[in-house]
Protein backbone atom coordinates (compact mmCIF):
# COMPACT_ATOMS: atom_id res chain seq x y z
CA MET A 1 0.00 0.00 0.00
CA GLU A 2 1.26 3.41 -0.93
CA MET A 3 0.72 6.67 0.96
CA ASN A 4 1.79 10.06 -0.33
CA ILE A 5 1.97 13.09 1.93
CA LEU A 6 0.46 16.01 0.06
CA ARG A 7 0.84 18.57 2.85
CA ASN A 8 2.67 18.30 6.15
CA GLU A 9 2.39 21.16 8.60
CA LYS A 10 2.79 20.92 12.36
CA GLU A 11 -0.87 20.45 13.23
CA GLU A 12 -2.27 19.61 9.80
CA LEU A 13 -1.53 16.71 7.48
CA GLU A 14 -3.02 15.73 4.17
CA LEU A 15 -2.20 12.34 2.71
CA GLU A 16 -3.28 10.32 -0.28
CA THR A 17 -3.57 6.56 -0.32
CA ASP A 18 -4.82 3.96 -2.77
CA SER A 19 -6.98 2.10 -0.22
CA LEU A 20 -10.48 3.17 0.81
CA THR A 21 -10.40 0.58 3.58
CA MET A 22 -7.18 1.89 5.11
CA VAL A 23 -8.21 5.53 4.95
CA GLU A 24 -11.50 4.72 6.72
CA ILE A 25 -9.78 2.69 9.44
CA LEU A 26 -7.28 5.51 9.96
CA ARG A 27 -10.12 8.02 10.25
CA VAL A 28 -11.84 5.93 12.93
CA TYR A 29 -8.68 5.48 15.00
CA LEU A 30 -7.62 9.12 14.61
CA ASN A 31 -10.99 10.31 15.89
CA LYS A 32 -10.37 8.35 19.12
CA ASP A 33 -7.34 10.58 19.85
CA SER A 34 -8.23 13.59 22.02
CA ALA A 35 -5.54 15.71 20.30
CA VAL A 36 -7.19 15.21 16.90
CA ILE A 37 -9.77 17.90 16.26
CA PHE A 38 -10.61 16.79 12.71
CA ALA A 39 -10.00 13.64 10.70
CA ALA A 40 -11.91 12.94 7.51
CA TRP A 41 -11.31 11.75 4.00
CA LYS A 42 -12.72 12.63 0.62
CA ARG A 43 -12.48 11.37 -2.92
CA GLU A 44 -13.17 13.78 -5.73
CA HIS A 45 -14.18 11.03 -8.16
CA PRO A 46 -14.28 7.21 -8.10
CA THR A 47 -11.23 7.16 -10.37
CA LYS A 48 -9.25 9.32 -7.92
CA LYS A 49 -7.44 8.21 -4.78
CA PRO A 50 -8.92 9.16 -1.38
CA VAL A 51 -7.28 12.00 0.55
CA LEU A 52 -7.22 12.06 4.36
CA LEU A 53 -7.08 15.39 6.20
CA VAL A 54 -5.96 15.42 9.83
CA LYS A 55 -5.97 18.48 12.09
CA THR A 56 -4.64 18.37 15.64
CA LYS A 57 -4.12 20.60 18.64
CA GLY A 58 -1.11 20.12 20.91
CA LYS A 59 0.37 17.23 18.94
CA SER A 60 1.83 17.03 15.45
CA ALA A 61 -0.59 15.57 12.92
CA LYS A 62 2.10 13.22 11.63
CA LYS A 63 2.63 11.87 15.16
CA ALA A 64 -1.12 11.30 15.52
CA VAL A 65 -1.15 9.27 12.29
CA GLU A 66 1.88 7.27 13.41
CA GLU A 67 0.19 6.47 16.72
CA ALA A 68 -3.04 5.48 14.96
CA VAL A 69 -1.11 3.11 12.67
CA SER A 70 0.58 1.62 15.73
CA GLU A 71 -2.79 1.05 17.45
CA ILE A 72 -4.24 -0.52 14.30
CA THR A 73 -1.25 -2.88 14.11
CA LYS A 74 -1.66 -3.91 17.76
CA ASP A 75 -5.36 -4.60 17.29
CA LEU A 76 -4.71 -6.66 14.16
CA GLU A 77 -2.11 -8.71 16.00
CA LYS A 78 -4.69 -9.44 18.73
CA VAL A 79 -7.21 -10.53 16.11
CA GLU A 80 -4.60 -12.78 14.50
CA GLU A 81 -3.79 -14.41 17.86
CA GLU A 82 -7.46 -15.02 18.59
CA PHE A 83 -7.98 -16.47 15.11
CA LYS A 84 -5.09 -18.90 15.58
CA LYS A 85 -6.66 -20.12 18.85
CA MET A 86 -9.90 -21.04 17.06
CA LYS A 87 -8.68 -24.40 15.70
């Protein structure tokens, strides 16, 4: 999966990705963070890639995305462990 940073300011980040699933999961996890004041994505047209906009207060937007990715990874590892136990 590829992510391109379109704009990176201290408390605002705009990134483009090729996965609707990933951008939606990121949005959900980012909105759980109290330092994130806005996290949403848009897609101008079905042939275009989705763009995620993140705005924060008191934390860099890039750090918030990194932490969200880390939380997603931890949760997926838990799901994988539980799945392996289901034999």
